[in-house]
N, C-alpha and C. Protein backbone atom coordinates (compact mmCIF):
# COMPACT_ATOMS: atom_id res chain seq x y z
N UNK A 1 85.86 37.88 70.47
CA UNK A 1 85.79 39.25 70.98
C UNK A 1 84.45 39.47 71.68
N UNK A 2 84.49 40.09 72.85
CA UNK A 2 83.27 40.37 73.59
C UNK A 2 82.42 41.40 72.85
N UNK A 3 81.14 41.12 72.64
CA UNK A 3 80.31 42.10 71.92
C UNK A 3 80.15 43.38 72.71
N UNK A 4 80.06 44.49 72.00
CA UNK A 4 79.87 45.79 72.64
C UNK A 4 78.47 45.89 73.22
N UNK A 5 78.34 46.70 74.27
CA UNK A 5 77.05 46.88 74.93
C UNK A 5 76.33 48.07 74.34
N UNK A 6 75.08 47.86 73.94
CA UNK A 6 74.23 48.91 73.39
C UNK A 6 73.04 49.09 74.31
N UNK A 7 72.81 50.30 74.76
CA UNK A 7 71.69 50.62 75.63
C UNK A 7 70.55 51.21 74.81
N UNK A 8 69.38 50.58 74.86
CA UNK A 8 68.19 51.04 74.16
C UNK A 8 67.27 51.72 75.17
N UNK A 9 66.82 52.93 74.83
CA UNK A 9 65.97 53.69 75.75
C UNK A 9 64.71 54.13 75.01
N UNK A 10 63.56 53.66 75.49
CA UNK A 10 62.26 54.06 74.92
C UNK A 10 61.19 53.71 75.94
N UNK A 11 60.18 54.55 76.06
CA UNK A 11 59.14 54.27 77.05
C UNK A 11 58.06 53.35 76.49
N UNK A 12 58.25 52.84 75.26
CA UNK A 12 57.31 51.89 74.68
C UNK A 12 57.99 50.53 74.55
N UNK A 13 57.53 49.54 75.31
CA UNK A 13 58.16 48.21 75.26
C UNK A 13 58.19 47.59 73.86
N UNK A 14 57.17 47.84 73.07
CA UNK A 14 57.14 47.24 71.73
C UNK A 14 58.25 47.80 70.84
N UNK A 15 58.57 49.09 71.05
CA UNK A 15 59.68 49.67 70.29
C UNK A 15 61.00 49.05 70.74
N UNK A 16 61.17 48.86 72.04
CA UNK A 16 62.37 48.20 72.55
C UNK A 16 62.49 46.79 72.01
N UNK A 17 61.35 46.08 71.94
CA UNK A 17 61.37 44.72 71.39
C UNK A 17 61.85 44.73 69.93
N UNK A 18 61.34 45.67 69.14
CA UNK A 18 61.73 45.73 67.73
C UNK A 18 63.21 46.07 67.57
N UNK A 19 63.69 47.02 68.37
CA UNK A 19 65.10 47.39 68.29
C UNK A 19 66.01 46.25 68.74
N UNK A 20 65.62 45.59 69.82
CA UNK A 20 66.44 44.48 70.31
C UNK A 20 66.49 43.34 69.29
N UNK A 21 65.38 43.09 68.62
CA UNK A 21 65.36 42.03 67.61
C UNK A 21 66.33 42.34 66.47
N UNK A 22 66.50 43.60 66.14
CA UNK A 22 67.42 43.99 65.07
C UNK A 22 68.89 43.91 65.49
N UNK A 23 69.17 44.18 66.75
CA UNK A 23 70.56 44.40 67.17
C UNK A 23 71.15 43.30 68.04
N UNK A 24 70.32 42.44 68.58
CA UNK A 24 70.81 41.48 69.58
C UNK A 24 71.77 40.44 69.01
N UNK A 25 71.72 40.18 67.71
CA UNK A 25 72.62 39.19 67.13
C UNK A 25 74.08 39.66 67.15
N UNK A 26 74.32 40.96 67.12
CA UNK A 26 75.68 41.49 67.02
C UNK A 26 76.16 42.19 68.28
N UNK A 27 75.25 42.58 69.15
CA UNK A 27 75.64 43.37 70.31
C UNK A 27 74.95 42.87 71.58
N UNK A 28 75.54 43.18 72.71
CA UNK A 28 74.90 42.92 74.00
C UNK A 28 73.92 44.07 74.25
N UNK A 29 72.68 43.73 74.56
CA UNK A 29 71.62 44.73 74.65
C UNK A 29 71.20 44.95 76.09
N UNK A 30 71.11 46.23 76.49
CA UNK A 30 70.48 46.65 77.73
C UNK A 30 69.26 47.47 77.37
N UNK A 31 68.19 47.34 78.17
CA UNK A 31 66.95 48.06 77.89
C UNK A 31 66.60 48.97 79.07
N UNK A 32 65.98 50.10 78.72
CA UNK A 32 65.50 51.01 79.75
C UNK A 32 64.24 51.70 79.24
N UNK A 33 63.16 51.59 80.04
CA UNK A 33 61.91 52.25 79.68
C UNK A 33 61.79 53.63 80.30
N UNK A 34 62.70 53.94 81.24
CA UNK A 34 62.67 55.24 81.90
C UNK A 34 64.07 55.85 81.86
N UNK A 35 64.18 57.16 81.75
CA UNK A 35 65.50 57.80 81.73
C UNK A 35 66.33 57.50 82.98
N UNK A 36 65.68 57.41 84.15
CA UNK A 36 66.42 57.11 85.38
C UNK A 36 67.07 55.74 85.30
N UNK A 37 66.36 54.78 84.72
CA UNK A 37 66.94 53.45 84.55
C UNK A 37 68.12 53.49 83.59
N UNK A 38 67.98 54.28 82.53
CA UNK A 38 69.08 54.41 81.57
C UNK A 38 70.32 54.99 82.22
N UNK A 39 70.15 56.02 83.05
CA UNK A 39 71.30 56.63 83.71
C UNK A 39 71.95 55.67 84.69
N UNK A 40 71.13 54.83 85.35
CA UNK A 40 71.71 53.84 86.24
C UNK A 40 72.54 52.82 85.47
N UNK A 41 72.03 52.37 84.33
CA UNK A 41 72.80 51.45 83.48
C UNK A 41 74.13 52.09 83.06
N UNK A 42 74.09 53.36 82.71
CA UNK A 42 75.31 54.04 82.28
C UNK A 42 76.33 54.15 83.40
N UNK A 43 75.86 54.29 84.62
CA UNK A 43 76.79 54.36 85.76
C UNK A 43 77.39 52.99 86.08
N UNK A 44 76.61 51.94 85.87
CA UNK A 44 77.03 50.61 86.32
C UNK A 44 77.65 49.75 85.22
N UNK A 45 77.40 50.07 83.97
CA UNK A 45 77.85 49.22 82.86
C UNK A 45 78.79 50.00 81.94
N UNK A 46 79.62 49.24 81.23
CA UNK A 46 80.50 49.84 80.22
C UNK A 46 79.73 49.88 78.89
N UNK A 47 78.98 50.95 78.69
CA UNK A 47 78.10 51.06 77.53
C UNK A 47 78.85 51.75 76.39
N UNK A 48 78.83 51.11 75.23
CA UNK A 48 79.48 51.69 74.06
C UNK A 48 78.57 52.67 73.32
N UNK A 49 77.28 52.32 73.19
CA UNK A 49 76.34 53.13 72.41
C UNK A 49 75.03 53.27 73.18
N UNK A 50 74.48 54.48 73.18
CA UNK A 50 73.15 54.74 73.72
C UNK A 50 72.25 55.14 72.56
N UNK A 51 71.18 54.38 72.38
CA UNK A 51 70.19 54.68 71.35
C UNK A 51 68.89 55.05 72.06
N UNK A 52 68.52 56.32 71.97
CA UNK A 52 67.38 56.80 72.75
C UNK A 52 66.33 57.42 71.84
N UNK A 53 65.07 57.17 72.21
CA UNK A 53 63.96 57.85 71.55
C UNK A 53 63.91 59.30 72.04
N UNK A 54 63.38 60.19 71.22
CA UNK A 54 63.30 61.60 71.60
C UNK A 54 62.14 61.88 72.54
N UNK A 55 60.99 61.34 72.23
CA UNK A 55 59.79 61.65 73.02
C UNK A 55 59.57 60.58 74.09
N UNK A 56 59.82 60.98 75.34
CA UNK A 56 59.60 60.07 76.46
C UNK A 56 59.05 60.87 77.62
N UNK A 57 58.41 60.17 78.55
CA UNK A 57 57.90 60.82 79.76
C UNK A 57 59.07 61.12 80.70
N UNK A 58 59.04 62.28 81.30
CA UNK A 58 60.08 62.65 82.26
C UNK A 58 61.17 63.48 81.62
N UNK A 59 61.94 62.90 80.73
CA UNK A 59 63.01 63.60 80.01
C UNK A 59 62.86 63.34 78.53
N UNK A 60 63.21 64.31 77.72
CA UNK A 60 63.31 64.04 76.28
C UNK A 60 64.60 63.29 76.00
N UNK A 61 64.69 62.77 74.80
CA UNK A 61 65.90 62.05 74.42
C UNK A 61 67.15 62.91 74.47
N UNK A 62 67.05 64.14 73.98
CA UNK A 62 68.22 65.02 74.00
C UNK A 62 68.60 65.41 75.42
N UNK A 63 67.61 65.59 76.30
CA UNK A 63 67.92 65.88 77.70
C UNK A 63 68.62 64.70 78.36
N UNK A 64 68.13 63.51 78.08
CA UNK A 64 68.78 62.32 78.63
C UNK A 64 70.21 62.17 78.11
N UNK A 65 70.39 62.35 76.82
CA UNK A 65 71.72 62.19 76.24
C UNK A 65 72.67 63.28 76.73
N UNK A 66 72.13 64.48 76.98
CA UNK A 66 72.96 65.54 77.55
C UNK A 66 73.44 65.15 78.94
N UNK A 67 72.57 64.61 79.76
CA UNK A 67 72.96 64.17 81.10
C UNK A 67 73.90 62.97 81.04
N UNK A 68 73.74 62.14 80.01
CA UNK A 68 74.59 60.96 79.90
C UNK A 68 76.05 61.33 79.65
N UNK A 69 76.30 62.52 79.14
CA UNK A 69 77.68 62.95 78.90
C UNK A 69 78.46 63.06 80.20
N UNK A 70 77.77 63.43 81.28
CA UNK A 70 78.45 63.51 82.58
C UNK A 70 78.63 62.14 83.21
N UNK A 71 77.69 61.23 82.95
CA UNK A 71 77.75 59.90 83.56
C UNK A 71 78.68 58.97 82.79
N UNK A 72 78.57 58.97 81.48
CA UNK A 72 79.38 58.08 80.63
C UNK A 72 79.85 58.87 79.42
N UNK A 73 80.87 59.69 79.57
CA UNK A 73 81.30 60.56 78.46
C UNK A 73 81.81 59.80 77.24
N UNK A 74 82.27 58.55 77.42
CA UNK A 74 82.79 57.79 76.29
C UNK A 74 81.70 57.16 75.44
N UNK A 75 80.50 57.04 75.97
CA UNK A 75 79.43 56.38 75.23
C UNK A 75 79.03 57.22 74.01
N UNK A 76 78.81 56.54 72.90
CA UNK A 76 78.39 57.20 71.67
C UNK A 76 76.86 57.31 71.69
N UNK A 77 76.35 58.50 71.37
CA UNK A 77 74.93 58.78 71.53
C UNK A 77 74.23 58.87 70.16
N UNK A 78 73.11 58.13 70.05
CA UNK A 78 72.27 58.13 68.85
C UNK A 78 70.85 58.49 69.26
N UNK A 79 70.24 59.37 68.48
CA UNK A 79 68.88 59.83 68.79
C UNK A 79 67.91 59.29 67.74
N UNK A 80 66.81 58.72 68.23
CA UNK A 80 65.76 58.20 67.37
C UNK A 80 64.54 59.10 67.51
N UNK A 81 64.09 59.70 66.40
CA UNK A 81 63.04 60.71 66.52
C UNK A 81 62.16 60.77 65.27
N UNK A 82 60.93 61.22 65.49
CA UNK A 82 60.03 61.53 64.38
C UNK A 82 59.97 63.03 64.16
N UNK A 83 60.80 63.79 64.90
CA UNK A 83 60.82 65.24 64.85
C UNK A 83 61.38 65.68 63.50
N UNK A 84 60.69 66.60 62.83
CA UNK A 84 61.12 67.00 61.48
C UNK A 84 61.55 68.46 61.40
N UNK A 85 61.53 69.20 62.51
CA UNK A 85 62.02 70.58 62.52
C UNK A 85 63.55 70.52 62.58
N UNK A 86 64.17 70.62 61.43
CA UNK A 86 65.61 70.36 61.33
C UNK A 86 66.43 71.32 62.18
N UNK A 87 66.12 72.61 62.16
CA UNK A 87 66.91 73.58 62.92
C UNK A 87 66.85 73.29 64.42
N UNK A 88 65.64 73.10 64.94
CA UNK A 88 65.51 72.80 66.36
C UNK A 88 66.17 71.48 66.70
N UNK A 89 66.06 70.50 65.80
CA UNK A 89 66.68 69.21 66.03
C UNK A 89 68.19 69.31 66.08
N UNK A 90 68.79 70.08 65.19
CA UNK A 90 70.25 70.23 65.18
C UNK A 90 70.74 70.93 66.43
N UNK A 91 69.99 71.94 66.91
CA UNK A 91 70.36 72.60 68.16
C UNK A 91 70.38 71.60 69.31
N UNK A 92 69.36 70.76 69.36
CA UNK A 92 69.30 69.75 70.42
C UNK A 92 70.44 68.75 70.30
N UNK A 93 70.72 68.34 69.08
CA UNK A 93 71.80 67.37 68.85
C UNK A 93 73.14 67.96 69.27
N UNK A 94 73.40 69.20 68.95
CA UNK A 94 74.66 69.83 69.34
C UNK A 94 74.80 69.92 70.84
N UNK A 95 73.70 70.22 71.53
CA UNK A 95 73.74 70.33 72.99
C UNK A 95 74.03 68.98 73.63
N UNK A 96 73.51 67.92 73.04
CA UNK A 96 73.67 66.58 73.61
C UNK A 96 74.92 65.86 73.11
N UNK A 97 75.60 66.43 72.12
CA UNK A 97 76.76 65.75 71.55
C UNK A 97 76.38 64.44 70.87
N UNK A 98 75.31 64.49 70.09
CA UNK A 98 74.79 63.28 69.45
C UNK A 98 75.65 62.92 68.24
N UNK A 99 76.00 61.64 68.15
CA UNK A 99 76.81 61.14 67.04
C UNK A 99 76.00 61.05 65.76
N UNK A 100 74.74 60.62 65.87
CA UNK A 100 73.89 60.44 64.68
C UNK A 100 72.44 60.45 65.13
N UNK A 101 71.55 60.81 64.23
CA UNK A 101 70.12 60.68 64.54
C UNK A 101 69.44 59.91 63.41
N UNK A 102 68.41 59.17 63.81
CA UNK A 102 67.64 58.36 62.88
C UNK A 102 66.18 58.77 62.96
N UNK A 103 65.55 58.86 61.81
CA UNK A 103 64.14 59.24 61.77
C UNK A 103 63.24 58.02 61.82
N UNK A 104 62.11 58.19 62.51
CA UNK A 104 61.06 57.17 62.50
C UNK A 104 60.14 57.40 61.30
N UNK A 105 59.66 56.34 60.71
CA UNK A 105 60.03 54.94 60.94
C UNK A 105 61.42 54.65 60.37
N UNK A 106 62.21 53.89 61.08
CA UNK A 106 63.59 53.67 60.67
C UNK A 106 63.70 52.57 59.62
N UNK A 107 64.77 52.64 58.88
CA UNK A 107 65.11 51.57 57.95
C UNK A 107 65.99 50.57 58.70
N UNK A 108 65.62 49.29 58.73
CA UNK A 108 66.38 48.32 59.53
C UNK A 108 67.86 48.23 59.14
N UNK A 109 68.16 48.23 57.85
CA UNK A 109 69.55 48.14 57.42
C UNK A 109 70.34 49.39 57.82
N UNK A 110 69.70 50.55 57.65
CA UNK A 110 70.37 51.78 58.04
C UNK A 110 70.62 51.81 59.54
N UNK A 111 69.65 51.38 60.33
CA UNK A 111 69.82 51.39 61.78
C UNK A 111 70.96 50.46 62.20
N UNK A 112 71.01 49.25 61.65
CA UNK A 112 72.11 48.34 61.99
C UNK A 112 73.45 48.93 61.58
N UNK A 113 73.48 49.56 60.41
CA UNK A 113 74.73 50.14 59.92
C UNK A 113 75.20 51.29 60.82
N UNK A 114 74.28 52.16 61.20
CA UNK A 114 74.65 53.31 62.04
C UNK A 114 75.13 52.84 63.41
N UNK A 115 74.43 51.89 64.00
CA UNK A 115 74.85 51.37 65.31
C UNK A 115 76.22 50.69 65.19
N UNK A 116 76.42 49.93 64.11
CA UNK A 116 77.73 49.30 63.91
C UNK A 116 78.84 50.31 63.79
N UNK A 117 78.61 51.38 63.06
CA UNK A 117 79.61 52.45 62.95
C UNK A 117 79.86 53.12 64.30
N UNK A 118 78.81 53.30 65.08
CA UNK A 118 78.97 53.91 66.40
C UNK A 118 79.81 53.03 67.32
N UNK A 119 79.58 51.73 67.26
CA UNK A 119 80.38 50.79 68.06
C UNK A 119 81.84 50.86 67.64
N UNK A 120 82.09 50.88 66.33
CA UNK A 120 83.47 50.98 65.85
C UNK A 120 84.11 52.30 66.26
N UNK A 121 83.34 53.37 66.21
CA UNK A 121 83.84 54.68 66.64
C UNK A 121 84.24 54.63 68.11
N UNK A 122 83.42 54.01 68.91
CA UNK A 122 83.73 53.88 70.35
C UNK A 122 85.02 53.08 70.55
N UNK A 123 85.16 51.99 69.82
CA UNK A 123 86.36 51.16 69.95
C UNK A 123 87.62 51.94 69.55
N UNK A 124 87.54 52.67 68.45
CA UNK A 124 88.70 53.43 67.99
C UNK A 124 89.07 54.54 68.99
N UNK A 125 88.07 55.17 69.58
CA UNK A 125 88.35 56.20 70.59
C UNK A 125 89.04 55.61 71.80
N UNK A 126 88.59 54.43 72.22
CA UNK A 126 89.23 53.75 73.35
C UNK A 126 90.68 53.40 73.01
N UNK A 127 90.89 52.88 71.82
CA UNK A 127 92.26 52.53 71.42
C UNK A 127 93.14 53.77 71.37
N UNK A 128 92.59 54.87 70.88
CA UNK A 128 93.36 56.11 70.82
C UNK A 128 93.75 56.58 72.21
N UNK A 129 92.81 56.51 73.15
CA UNK A 129 93.12 56.92 74.52
C UNK A 129 94.20 56.03 75.12
N UNK A 130 94.12 54.73 74.85
CA UNK A 130 95.14 53.81 75.36
C UNK A 130 96.51 54.13 74.78
N UNK A 131 96.55 54.37 73.46
CA UNK A 131 97.82 54.70 72.82
C UNK A 131 98.39 56.01 73.35
N UNK A 132 97.53 57.00 73.59
CA UNK A 132 98.01 58.27 74.12
C UNK A 132 98.59 58.10 75.52
N UNK A 133 97.93 57.27 76.36
CA UNK A 133 98.47 57.01 77.69
C UNK A 133 99.82 56.32 77.62
N UNK A 134 99.92 55.31 76.73
CA UNK A 134 101.19 54.60 76.58
C UNK A 134 102.27 55.54 76.04
N UNK A 135 101.90 56.40 75.10
CA UNK A 135 102.86 57.35 74.56
C UNK A 135 103.33 58.33 75.64
N UNK A 136 102.41 58.79 76.48
CA UNK A 136 102.80 59.67 77.56
C UNK A 136 103.75 59.00 78.53
N UNK A 137 103.50 57.71 78.84
CA UNK A 137 104.40 56.98 79.73
C UNK A 137 105.78 56.81 79.10
N UNK A 138 105.80 56.50 77.80
CA UNK A 138 107.09 56.35 77.11
C UNK A 138 107.85 57.67 77.06
N UNK A 139 107.13 58.77 76.82
CA UNK A 139 107.79 60.08 76.80
C UNK A 139 108.39 60.41 78.16
N UNK A 140 107.67 60.10 79.23
CA UNK A 140 108.20 60.35 80.58
C UNK A 140 109.43 59.50 80.83
N UNK A 141 109.40 58.25 80.38
CA UNK A 141 110.56 57.38 80.54
C UNK A 141 111.75 57.89 79.75
N UNK A 142 111.51 58.34 78.52
CA UNK A 142 112.60 58.88 77.71
C UNK A 142 113.17 60.16 78.31
N UNK A 143 112.31 60.98 78.90
CA UNK A 143 112.78 62.21 79.53
C UNK A 143 113.69 61.88 80.71
N UNK A 144 113.33 60.87 81.50
CA UNK A 144 114.18 60.47 82.62
C UNK A 144 115.53 59.96 82.12
N UNK A 145 115.50 59.16 81.04
CA UNK A 145 116.75 58.65 80.47
C UNK A 145 117.61 59.80 79.96
N UNK A 146 116.99 60.78 79.31
CA UNK A 146 117.73 61.93 78.80
C UNK A 146 118.36 62.72 79.93
N UNK A 147 117.63 62.92 81.02
CA UNK A 147 118.19 63.63 82.17
C UNK A 147 119.37 62.86 82.76
N UNK A 148 119.24 61.52 82.81
CA UNK A 148 120.35 60.70 83.32
C UNK A 148 121.58 60.84 82.42
N UNK A 149 121.38 60.83 81.11
CA UNK A 149 122.50 60.98 80.18
C UNK A 149 123.14 62.37 80.31
N UNK A 150 122.32 63.40 80.51
CA UNK A 150 122.87 64.74 80.68
C UNK A 150 123.71 64.83 81.94
N UNK A 151 123.22 64.21 83.04
CA UNK A 151 124.02 64.22 84.27
C UNK A 151 125.32 63.46 84.09
N UNK A 152 125.24 62.32 83.39
CA UNK A 152 126.46 61.54 83.13
C UNK A 152 127.45 62.34 82.28
N UNK A 153 126.94 63.06 81.29
CA UNK A 153 127.81 63.88 80.46
C UNK A 153 128.46 65.00 81.28
N UNK A 154 127.69 65.64 82.16
CA UNK A 154 128.25 66.68 83.02
C UNK A 154 129.34 66.11 83.92
N UNK A 155 129.11 64.90 84.43
CA UNK A 155 130.13 64.28 85.28
C UNK A 155 131.41 64.01 84.50
N UNK A 156 131.27 63.56 83.26
CA UNK A 156 132.46 63.29 82.45
C UNK A 156 133.22 64.59 82.14
N UNK A 157 132.49 65.66 81.87
CA UNK A 157 133.14 66.94 81.59
C UNK A 157 133.89 67.43 82.83
N UNK A 158 133.27 67.32 84.01
CA UNK A 158 133.93 67.74 85.24
C UNK A 158 135.16 66.89 85.52
N UNK A 159 135.05 65.59 85.29
CA UNK A 159 136.20 64.70 85.53
C UNK A 159 137.36 65.05 84.60
N UNK A 160 137.04 65.33 83.33
CA UNK A 160 138.12 65.70 82.39
C UNK A 160 138.77 67.00 82.80
N UNK A 161 137.97 67.96 83.30
CA UNK A 161 138.53 69.22 83.75
C UNK A 161 139.43 69.02 84.97
N UNK A 162 139.01 68.19 85.91
CA UNK A 162 139.82 67.91 87.11
C UNK A 162 141.13 67.25 86.72
N UNK A 163 141.05 66.27 85.83
CA UNK A 163 142.28 65.60 85.41
C UNK A 163 143.24 66.57 84.73
N UNK A 164 142.70 67.43 83.87
CA UNK A 164 143.56 68.36 83.15
C UNK A 164 144.28 69.31 84.12
N UNK A 165 143.58 69.73 85.18
CA UNK A 165 144.20 70.63 86.14
C UNK A 165 145.22 69.92 87.03
N UNK A 166 144.85 68.72 87.51
CA UNK A 166 145.74 68.02 88.44
C UNK A 166 146.99 67.48 87.76
N UNK A 167 146.88 67.10 86.51
CA UNK A 167 148.04 66.52 85.83
C UNK A 167 149.19 67.52 85.68
N UNK A 168 148.88 68.80 85.92
CA UNK A 168 149.95 69.80 85.84
C UNK A 168 150.82 69.78 87.09
N UNK A 169 150.29 69.15 88.17
CA UNK A 169 151.01 69.25 89.45
C UNK A 169 151.35 67.91 90.08
N UNK A 170 150.57 66.87 89.81
CA UNK A 170 150.79 65.61 90.53
C UNK A 170 150.88 64.47 89.53
N UNK A 171 151.24 63.30 90.07
CA UNK A 171 151.42 62.12 89.23
C UNK A 171 150.08 61.57 88.79
N UNK A 172 150.06 60.77 87.72
CA UNK A 172 148.80 60.18 87.26
C UNK A 172 148.10 59.36 88.33
N UNK A 173 148.89 58.69 89.19
CA UNK A 173 148.27 57.88 90.25
C UNK A 173 147.50 58.76 91.22
N UNK A 174 148.07 59.89 91.59
CA UNK A 174 147.36 60.81 92.48
C UNK A 174 146.16 61.45 91.79
N UNK A 175 146.26 61.65 90.49
CA UNK A 175 145.11 62.17 89.75
C UNK A 175 143.95 61.19 89.85
N UNK A 176 144.23 59.88 89.67
CA UNK A 176 143.17 58.87 89.78
C UNK A 176 142.54 58.88 91.16
N UNK A 177 143.38 59.03 92.20
CA UNK A 177 142.85 59.09 93.57
C UNK A 177 141.98 60.32 93.76
N UNK A 178 142.40 61.44 93.20
CA UNK A 178 141.63 62.67 93.35
C UNK A 178 140.29 62.57 92.65
N UNK A 179 140.28 61.95 91.46
CA UNK A 179 139.01 61.81 90.73
C UNK A 179 138.09 60.84 91.44
N UNK A 180 138.68 59.77 92.02
CA UNK A 180 137.87 58.79 92.72
C UNK A 180 137.30 59.33 94.02
N UNK A 181 138.01 60.29 94.67
CA UNK A 181 137.56 60.87 95.94
C UNK A 181 137.60 62.39 95.83
N UNK A 182 136.68 62.97 95.08
CA UNK A 182 136.75 64.42 94.83
C UNK A 182 136.58 65.26 96.08
N UNK A 183 135.92 64.74 97.10
CA UNK A 183 135.70 65.53 98.30
C UNK A 183 136.95 65.73 99.12
N UNK A 184 137.97 64.90 98.94
CA UNK A 184 139.18 65.00 99.76
C UNK A 184 140.26 65.84 99.10
N UNK A 185 139.97 66.40 97.92
CA UNK A 185 140.94 67.21 97.21
C UNK A 185 140.33 68.57 96.89
N UNK A 186 141.15 69.58 96.89
CA UNK A 186 140.72 70.90 96.41
C UNK A 186 141.57 71.26 95.22
N UNK A 187 140.94 71.52 94.12
CA UNK A 187 141.64 71.74 92.87
C UNK A 187 141.69 73.22 92.55
N UNK A 188 142.84 73.73 92.22
CA UNK A 188 142.94 75.16 91.90
C UNK A 188 142.31 75.47 90.56
N UNK A 189 141.70 76.62 90.49
CA UNK A 189 141.12 77.06 89.22
C UNK A 189 142.15 77.78 88.37
N UNK A 190 143.21 78.21 89.01
CA UNK A 190 144.26 78.91 88.27
C UNK A 190 145.50 78.06 88.25
N UNK A 191 146.64 78.68 87.91
CA UNK A 191 147.89 77.94 87.79
C UNK A 191 148.58 77.70 89.11
N UNK A 192 148.04 78.14 90.27
CA UNK A 192 148.69 77.94 91.56
C UNK A 192 148.67 76.48 91.94
N UNK A 193 149.61 76.07 92.75
CA UNK A 193 149.68 74.68 93.17
C UNK A 193 148.57 74.40 94.18
N UNK A 194 147.96 73.20 94.14
CA UNK A 194 146.93 72.86 95.11
C UNK A 194 147.55 72.66 96.48
N UNK A 195 146.77 72.91 97.54
CA UNK A 195 147.30 72.76 98.89
C UNK A 195 147.75 71.35 99.17
N UNK A 196 147.15 70.36 98.50
CA UNK A 196 147.51 68.98 98.81
C UNK A 196 148.80 68.55 98.17
N UNK A 197 149.34 69.31 97.25
CA UNK A 197 150.58 68.89 96.59
C UNK A 197 151.67 69.90 96.94
N UNK A 198 152.57 69.50 97.85
CA UNK A 198 153.66 70.39 98.24
C UNK A 198 154.77 70.31 97.23
N UNK A 199 155.38 71.44 96.92
CA UNK A 199 156.45 71.43 95.91
C UNK A 199 157.66 70.67 96.39
N UNK A 200 158.24 69.93 95.50
CA UNK A 200 159.44 69.15 95.82
C UNK A 200 160.67 69.99 95.51
N UNK A 201 161.62 70.05 96.48
CA UNK A 201 162.85 70.84 96.30
C UNK A 201 163.76 70.12 95.34
N UNK A 202 164.14 70.83 94.33
CA UNK A 202 165.05 70.27 93.32
C UNK A 202 166.27 71.19 93.24
N UNK A 203 167.44 70.65 93.49
CA UNK A 203 168.67 71.46 93.46
C UNK A 203 169.06 71.75 92.04
N UNK A 204 169.45 72.95 91.81
CA UNK A 204 169.90 73.32 90.46
C UNK A 204 171.25 72.71 90.19
N UNK A 205 171.52 72.47 88.93
CA UNK A 205 172.80 71.81 88.57
C UNK A 205 174.01 72.60 89.06
N UNK A 206 173.95 73.93 89.06
CA UNK A 206 175.13 74.70 89.44
C UNK A 206 175.41 74.69 90.93
N UNK A 207 174.42 74.36 91.73
CA UNK A 207 174.61 74.44 93.18
C UNK A 207 174.91 73.10 93.81
N UNK A 208 174.93 72.01 93.03
CA UNK A 208 175.22 70.69 93.60
C UNK A 208 176.70 70.58 93.89
N UNK A 209 177.06 70.08 95.07
CA UNK A 209 178.46 69.90 95.48
C UNK A 209 178.69 68.48 95.95
N UNK A 210 179.83 67.97 95.60
CA UNK A 210 180.20 66.63 96.06
C UNK A 210 181.04 66.78 97.33
N UNK A 211 180.85 65.88 98.30
CA UNK A 211 181.64 65.99 99.54
C UNK A 211 183.12 65.74 99.27
N UNK A 212 183.95 66.50 99.99
CA UNK A 212 185.39 66.33 99.83
C UNK A 212 185.87 65.06 100.54
N UNK A 213 186.70 64.35 99.92
CA UNK A 213 187.24 63.10 100.55
C UNK A 213 188.22 63.48 101.66
N UNK A 214 188.26 62.67 102.70
CA UNK A 214 189.20 62.86 103.81
C UNK A 214 190.45 62.02 103.54
N UNK A 215 191.47 62.64 103.60
CA UNK A 215 192.79 61.98 103.38
C UNK A 215 193.45 61.69 104.71
């Protein structure tokens, strides 16, 4: 399986070195010392997790992560900070849609665990989106099949109605012809005879006469 890509953002190279040393064995690592570089990586790479420091020159971590939502909305965002004002920190996290935050100095095991969970979260979200797309396609296909079955059912009902009406006036063979070529026949809705079937003259028994023999 291809390792997930984790983007590390910090304006201190030594911090990036320490983070990469912890995470490089399990993940593909991208580094950025400036927020602009981080945003470029997000536009060009399929990044699963962004791990950003809070205090940087140019943009704060929460500002960068907030902007990253427009560039790479699927990326999971983690904030690394020494900030201890919990209320202000939570407001910033909510604005940036941060998945988790870690306090400095970090615990190596906790950091690996949190990043691993973030990668798994990203994978599950991707799988969910794929399943939803496939489900939508299947639903559309089923809807088309259902519409086809409804049309077929309507055709069968109309054919049965035509047969029931025509069988009152014409032979079964003509009924089959009428059903096969509905445009060439006009079927009465009432008990009147259709124009295509002329009544056959049948002499009544009392009026039949035999010719007289010539002697």
